[in-house]
Amino acid sequence: MNADKVRQVLTIYRKKFKDLGIPSRPFPHAEFPTTDNDILAHCHGMLDEMETFIQEENMGKVFRWLGFIQGCLWKVGIYTIEEMKDHNRQ
């Protein structure tokens, strides 16, 4: 997966968060989320930071963060693993 493909996947997730009315916000790293919306808002906030990592060519971090976001999206029931595999392939 190259940088352009990652950006396409991030666009899919950004649109989904907006469609669901999920805000983009950081979450304190020393606390646990109490709701699925807390989890999703943190993931939404991660998307913009990932653009910086892509520009810096720090793809290892991009892929770790993408995996984290996809794990959260699966956990809260937004996408199945198969759907996310399709996002990564398209």
Protein backbone atom coordinates (compact mmCIF):
# COMPACT_ATOMS: atom_id res chain seq x y z
CA MET A 1 0.00 0.00 0.00
CA ASN A 2 1.50 3.33 -1.04
CA ALA A 3 0.86 6.85 0.29
CA ASP A 4 -1.87 7.62 -2.26
CA LYS A 5 -3.73 4.43 -1.36
CA VAL A 6 -3.49 5.24 2.35
CA ARG A 7 -4.93 8.70 1.65
CA GLN A 8 -7.87 7.07 -0.17
CA VAL A 9 -8.58 4.87 2.85
CA LEU A 10 -8.31 7.85 5.20
CA THR A 11 -10.82 9.71 3.03
CA ILE A 12 -13.29 6.81 3.36
CA TYR A 13 -12.95 6.86 7.15
CA ARG A 14 -13.09 10.66 7.42
CA LYS A 15 -16.35 10.66 5.44
CA LYS A 16 -17.79 7.88 7.61
CA PHE A 17 -16.96 9.78 10.81
CA LYS A 18 -18.55 12.95 9.42
CA ASP A 19 -21.64 11.06 8.24
CA LEU A 20 -21.99 9.58 11.74
CA GLY A 21 -21.54 13.01 13.37
CA ILE A 22 -18.35 11.91 15.16
CA PRO A 23 -16.19 14.90 16.16
CA SER A 24 -12.45 14.95 15.67
CA ARG A 25 -10.72 15.29 19.01
CA PRO A 26 -7.69 14.07 20.89
CA PHE A 27 -8.18 11.71 23.80
CA PRO A 28 -5.99 11.82 26.91
CA HIS A 29 -3.48 8.99 26.58
CA ALA A 30 -3.55 8.24 30.31
CA GLU A 31 -7.31 7.59 30.36
CA PHE A 32 -9.65 4.96 29.00
CA PRO A 33 -12.55 5.85 26.70
CA THR A 34 -15.95 5.33 28.27
CA THR A 35 -18.05 5.18 25.10
CA ASP A 36 -17.73 4.02 21.52
CA ASN A 37 -18.05 7.68 20.49
CA ASP A 38 -14.94 8.48 22.56
CA ILE A 39 -13.08 5.77 20.65
CA LEU A 40 -14.30 6.99 17.27
CA ALA A 41 -13.61 10.67 18.05
CA HIS A 42 -10.03 9.78 18.93
CA CYS A 43 -9.68 7.80 15.69
CA HIS A 44 -11.15 10.70 13.72
CA GLY A 45 -8.55 13.00 15.28
CA MET A 46 -5.76 10.62 14.31
CA LEU A 47 -6.55 10.97 10.60
CA ASP A 48 -5.18 14.51 10.26
CA GLU A 49 -2.00 13.59 12.14
CA MET A 50 -1.51 10.69 9.76
CA GLU A 51 -1.33 13.11 6.83
CA THR A 52 1.74 14.64 8.47
CA PHE A 53 3.34 11.21 8.87
CA ILE A 54 2.70 10.48 5.19
CA GLN A 55 4.39 13.76 4.19
CA GLU A 56 7.34 12.87 6.43
CA GLU A 57 7.45 9.42 4.75
CA ASN A 58 7.02 7.77 8.15
CA MET A 59 4.96 4.94 6.68
CA GLY A 60 5.70 2.54 9.52
CA LYS A 61 3.83 4.84 11.89
CA VAL A 62 1.09 5.39 9.32
CA PHE A 63 0.48 1.65 9.05
CA ARG A 64 0.47 1.17 12.84
CA TRP A 65 -2.06 3.95 13.26
CA LEU A 66 -4.17 2.66 10.36
CA GLY A 67 -4.24 -0.76 11.98
CA PHE A 68 -5.29 0.79 15.29
CA ILE A 69 -8.11 2.75 13.63
CA GLN A 70 -9.30 -0.28 11.69
CA GLY A 71 -9.29 -2.37 14.86
CA CYS A 72 -11.43 0.24 16.58
CA LEU A 73 -13.82 0.47 13.62
CA TRP A 74 -14.26 -3.30 13.76
CA LYS A 75 -14.66 -3.35 17.56
CA VAL A 76 -17.50 -0.80 17.55
CA GLY A 77 -19.23 -2.44 14.58
CA ILE A 78 -18.70 0.17 11.87
CA TYR A 79 -16.94 -2.07 9.34
CA THR A 80 -16.27 -5.79 9.08
CA ILE A 81 -12.74 -7.03 8.56
CA GLU A 82 -13.69 -8.02 5.01
CA GLU A 83 -14.95 -4.50 4.25
CA MET A 84 -11.72 -2.99 5.51
CA LYS A 85 -9.67 -5.44 3.47
CA ASP A 86 -11.61 -4.17 0.46
CA HIS A 87 -10.82 -0.55 1.43
CA ASN A 88 -7.13 -1.42 1.48
CA ARG A 89 -7.33 -3.11 -1.93
CA GLN A 90 -9.51 -0.75 -3.95
